[in-house]
């Protein structure tokens, strides 16, 4: 009977999730009314269309940087920062490659390996350990 209960609970959770998504979509429409087009985007304009990259930068990202007292950087620089931090923390380069959408791990390593000065030292330590 437990399996049946689990299935019912899963179905109820799914139904509740769909209801909350429907409510969220209705509330997003706000004043747009019939102009609203639900493209099922995570982030959308007030009429439901995809965000224009230059608007994200100009209307949202740059003002947030200024308000937070952070340096003026390009939105795309966040991608490089993410990759650099992940690799510096020892995350597998294959994972970083897939996250960035690079065609192969060689591109990722060619782009970011100069940010990893400790790579040579780590390699020497691994070899020392392997050779005893």
C-alpha atoms as a PDB file:
ATOM      1  CA  UNK A   1       0.000   0.000   0.000  1.00  0.00           C
ATOM      2  CA  UNK A   2       2.965   2.300   0.596  1.00  0.00           C
ATOM      3  CA  UNK A   3       3.839   2.349  -3.106  1.00  0.00           C
ATOM      4  CA  UNK A   4       0.292   3.468  -3.960  1.00  0.00           C
ATOM      5  CA  UNK A   5       0.515   6.227  -1.349  1.00  0.00           C
ATOM      6  CA  UNK A   6       3.855   7.356  -2.797  1.00  0.00           C
ATOM      7  CA  UNK A   7       2.327   7.502  -6.291  1.00  0.00           C
ATOM      8  CA  UNK A   8      -0.628   9.550  -5.041  1.00  0.00           C
ATOM      9  CA  UNK A   9       1.730  11.905  -3.187  1.00  0.00           C
ATOM     10  CA  UNK A  10       3.868  12.327  -6.290  1.00  0.00           C
ATOM     11  CA  UNK A  11       0.761  13.056  -8.382  1.00  0.00           C
ATOM     12  CA  UNK A  12      -0.489  15.586  -5.815  1.00  0.00           C
ATOM     13  CA  UNK A  13       2.907  17.308  -5.782  1.00  0.00           C
ATOM     14  CA  UNK A  14       2.907  17.440  -9.583  1.00  0.00           C
ATOM     15  CA  UNK A  15      -0.623  18.880  -9.626  1.00  0.00           C
ATOM     16  CA  UNK A  16       0.267  21.478  -6.980  1.00  0.00           C
ATOM     17  CA  UNK A  17       3.390  22.423  -8.920  1.00  0.00           C
ATOM     18  CA  UNK A  18       1.395  22.860 -12.141  1.00  0.00           C
ATOM     19  CA  UNK A  19      -1.212  24.977 -10.326  1.00  0.00           C
ATOM     20  CA  UNK A  20       1.468  27.256  -8.891  1.00  0.00           C
ATOM     21  CA  UNK A  21       3.109  27.568 -12.337  1.00  0.00           C
ATOM     22  CA  UNK A  22      -0.266  28.534 -13.829  1.00  0.00           C
ATOM     23  CA  UNK A  23      -0.795  31.135 -11.095  1.00  0.00           C
ATOM     24  CA  UNK A  24       2.712  32.470 -11.687  1.00  0.00           C
ATOM     25  CA  UNK A  25       2.063  32.777 -15.441  1.00  0.00           C
ATOM     26  CA  UNK A  26      -1.211  34.608 -14.805  1.00  0.00           C
ATOM     27  CA  UNK A  27       0.474  37.009 -12.396  1.00  0.00           C
ATOM     28  CA  UNK A  28       3.288  37.646 -14.882  1.00  0.00           C
ATOM     29  CA  UNK A  29       0.739  38.781 -17.429  1.00  0.00           C
ATOM     30  CA  UNK A  30      -0.155  41.649 -15.130  1.00  0.00           C
ATOM     31  CA  UNK A  31      -1.024  44.693 -17.207  1.00  0.00           C
ATOM     32  CA  UNK A  32      -0.023  43.044 -20.489  1.00  0.00           C
ATOM     33  CA  UNK A  33      -3.396  41.313 -20.758  1.00  0.00           C
ATOM     34  CA  UNK A  34      -3.970  39.854 -24.213  1.00  0.00           C
ATOM     35  CA  UNK A  35      -0.543  41.020 -25.390  1.00  0.00           C
ATOM     36  CA  UNK A  36       1.123  38.477 -23.109  1.00  0.00           C
ATOM     37  CA  UNK A  37       2.646  35.486 -24.936  1.00  0.00           C
ATOM     38  CA  UNK A  38       3.614  32.602 -22.686  1.00  0.00           C
ATOM     39  CA  UNK A  39       6.795  31.173 -24.161  1.00  0.00           C
ATOM     40  CA  UNK A  40       7.441  29.197 -20.955  1.00  0.00           C
ATOM     41  CA  UNK A  41      10.723  31.049 -20.379  1.00  0.00           C
ATOM     42  CA  UNK A  42      12.385  31.154 -16.967  1.00  0.00           C
ATOM     43  CA  UNK A  43      13.124  34.830 -17.528  1.00  0.00           C
ATOM     44  CA  UNK A  44      10.939  36.846 -19.873  1.00  0.00           C
ATOM     45  CA  UNK A  45       9.859  40.387 -20.641  1.00  0.00           C
ATOM     46  CA  UNK A  46       6.646  41.786 -19.173  1.00  0.00           C
ATOM     47  CA  UNK A  47       4.803  40.476 -22.258  1.00  0.00           C
ATOM     48  CA  UNK A  48       6.358  36.986 -22.073  1.00  0.00           C
ATOM     49  CA  UNK A  49       8.864  37.265 -24.909  1.00  0.00           C
ATOM     50  CA  UNK A  50      12.562  36.295 -24.605  1.00  0.00           C
ATOM     51  CA  UNK A  51      14.834  38.860 -23.000  1.00  0.00           C
ATOM     52  CA  UNK A  52      17.032  40.907 -25.311  1.00  0.00           C
ATOM     53  CA  UNK A  53      20.681  40.473 -24.191  1.00  0.00           C
ATOM     54  CA  UNK A  54      21.522  44.186 -24.475  1.00  0.00           C
ATOM     55  CA  UNK A  55      18.520  45.023 -22.276  1.00  0.00           C
ATOM     56  CA  UNK A  56      19.661  42.577 -19.593  1.00  0.00           C
ATOM     57  CA  UNK A  57      22.990  44.363 -19.520  1.00  0.00           C
ATOM     58  CA  UNK A  58      21.715  47.935 -19.696  1.00  0.00           C
ATOM     59  CA  UNK A  59      18.557  47.708 -17.593  1.00  0.00           C
ATOM     60  CA  UNK A  60      19.489  45.128 -14.984  1.00  0.00           C
ATOM     61  CA  UNK A  61      23.093  44.008 -14.753  1.00  0.00           C
ATOM     62  CA  UNK A  62      24.916  47.354 -14.960  1.00  0.00           C
ATOM     63  CA  UNK A  63      22.591  49.101 -12.458  1.00  0.00           C
ATOM     64  CA  UNK A  64      23.012  46.182 -10.032  1.00  0.00           C
ATOM     65  CA  UNK A  65      26.805  46.417 -10.289  1.00  0.00           C
ATOM     66  CA  UNK A  66      26.691  50.137  -9.659  1.00  0.00           C
ATOM     67  CA  UNK A  67      24.286  49.799  -6.725  1.00  0.00           C
ATOM     68  CA  UNK A  68      26.491  47.126  -5.138  1.00  0.00           C
ATOM     69  CA  UNK A  69      29.631  49.211  -5.634  1.00  0.00           C
ATOM     70  CA  UNK A  70      31.216  46.564  -7.844  1.00  0.00           C
ATOM     71  CA  UNK A  71      33.499  47.209 -10.808  1.00  0.00           C
ATOM     72  CA  UNK A  72      31.957  47.668 -14.229  1.00  0.00           C
ATOM     73  CA  UNK A  73      32.363  44.313 -16.010  1.00  0.00           C
ATOM     74  CA  UNK A  74      30.686  42.687 -18.965  1.00  0.00           C
ATOM     75  CA  UNK A  75      27.903  40.182 -18.286  1.00  0.00           C
ATOM     76  CA  UNK A  76      29.907  37.637 -20.302  1.00  0.00           C
ATOM     77  CA  UNK A  77      32.788  38.023 -17.815  1.00  0.00           C
ATOM     78  CA  UNK A  78      30.656  36.106 -15.288  1.00  0.00           C
ATOM     79  CA  UNK A  79      31.043  33.046 -17.503  1.00  0.00           C
ATOM     80  CA  UNK A  80      34.835  33.341 -17.407  1.00  0.00           C
ATOM     81  CA  UNK A  81      34.796  33.937 -13.664  1.00  0.00           C
ATOM     82  CA  UNK A  82      32.679  30.833 -13.131  1.00  0.00           C
ATOM     83  CA  UNK A  83      34.985  28.645 -15.237  1.00  0.00           C
ATOM     84  CA  UNK A  84      38.118  30.004 -13.606  1.00  0.00           C
ATOM     85  CA  UNK A  85      36.802  29.504 -10.069  1.00  0.00           C
ATOM     86  CA  UNK A  86      35.601  25.975 -10.794  1.00  0.00           C
ATOM     87  CA  UNK A  87      38.921  24.934 -12.309  1.00  0.00           C
ATOM     88  CA  UNK A  88      40.894  26.609  -9.499  1.00  0.00           C
ATOM     89  CA  UNK A  89      38.840  24.575  -6.996  1.00  0.00           C
ATOM     90  CA  UNK A  90      39.795  21.371  -8.775  1.00  0.00           C
ATOM     91  CA  UNK A  91      36.515  20.677 -10.570  1.00  0.00           C
ATOM     92  CA  UNK A  92      37.028  18.185 -13.375  1.00  0.00           C
ATOM     93  CA  UNK A  93      37.735  20.116 -16.608  1.00  0.00           C
ATOM     94  CA  UNK A  94      35.328  17.821 -18.488  1.00  0.00           C
ATOM     95  CA  UNK A  95      32.479  19.047 -16.267  1.00  0.00           C
ATOM     96  CA  UNK A  96      33.495  22.682 -16.840  1.00  0.00           C
ATOM     97  CA  UNK A  97      33.676  22.036 -20.600  1.00  0.00           C
ATOM     98  CA  UNK A  98      30.133  20.660 -20.606  1.00  0.00           C
ATOM     99  CA  UNK A  99      28.849  23.492 -18.422  1.00  0.00           C
ATOM    100  CA  UNK A 100      30.280  26.076 -20.823  1.00  0.00           C
ATOM    101  CA  UNK A 101      29.093  24.197 -23.890  1.00  0.00           C
ATOM    102  CA  UNK A 102      32.569  23.924 -25.413  1.00  0.00           C
ATOM    103  CA  UNK A 103      32.915  21.359 -28.210  1.00  0.00           C
ATOM    104  CA  UNK A 104      35.808  19.630 -26.478  1.00  0.00           C
ATOM    105  CA  UNK A 105      37.796  19.811 -23.263  1.00  0.00           C
ATOM    106  CA  UNK A 106      40.868  21.005 -25.181  1.00  0.00           C
ATOM    107  CA  UNK A 107      39.174  24.322 -25.919  1.00  0.00           C
ATOM    108  CA  UNK A 108      38.348  24.751 -22.238  1.00  0.00           C
ATOM    109  CA  UNK A 109      41.867  23.970 -21.111  1.00  0.00           C
ATOM    110  CA  UNK A 110      43.464  26.136 -23.806  1.00  0.00           C
ATOM    111  CA  UNK A 111      41.254  29.019 -22.724  1.00  0.00           C
ATOM    112  CA  UNK A 112      41.616  28.694 -18.958  1.00  0.00           C
ATOM    113  CA  UNK A 113      44.818  26.788 -18.133  1.00  0.00           C
ATOM    114  CA  UNK A 114      46.872  29.986 -17.753  1.00  0.00           C
ATOM    115  CA  UNK A 115      44.666  30.852 -14.771  1.00  0.00           C
ATOM    116  CA  UNK A 116      45.900  27.764 -12.983  1.00  0.00           C
ATOM    117  CA  UNK A 117      49.509  28.422 -11.954  1.00  0.00           C
ATOM    118  CA  UNK A 118      49.390  25.544  -9.482  1.00  0.00           C
ATOM    119  CA  UNK A 119      48.810  22.976 -12.242  1.00  0.00           C
ATOM    120  CA  UNK A 120      52.525  22.379 -12.775  1.00  0.00           C
ATOM    121  CA  UNK A 121      53.150  22.038  -9.048  1.00  0.00           C
ATOM    122  CA  UNK A 122      50.232  19.617  -8.637  1.00  0.00           C
ATOM    123  CA  UNK A 123      51.481  17.516 -11.538  1.00  0.00           C
ATOM    124  CA  UNK A 124      54.957  17.289 -10.020  1.00  0.00           C
ATOM    125  CA  UNK A 125      53.478  16.247  -6.660  1.00  0.00           C
ATOM    126  CA  UNK A 126      51.326  13.573  -8.287  1.00  0.00           C
ATOM    127  CA  UNK A 127      54.306  12.195 -10.174  1.00  0.00           C
ATOM    128  CA  UNK A 128      56.424  12.219  -7.028  1.00  0.00           C
ATOM    129  CA  UNK A 129      53.703  10.274  -5.215  1.00  0.00           C
ATOM    130  CA  UNK A 130      53.300   7.819  -8.077  1.00  0.00           C
ATOM    131  CA  UNK A 131      57.014   7.126  -8.384  1.00  0.00           C
ATOM    132  CA  UNK A 132      57.579   6.987  -4.657  1.00  0.00           C
END
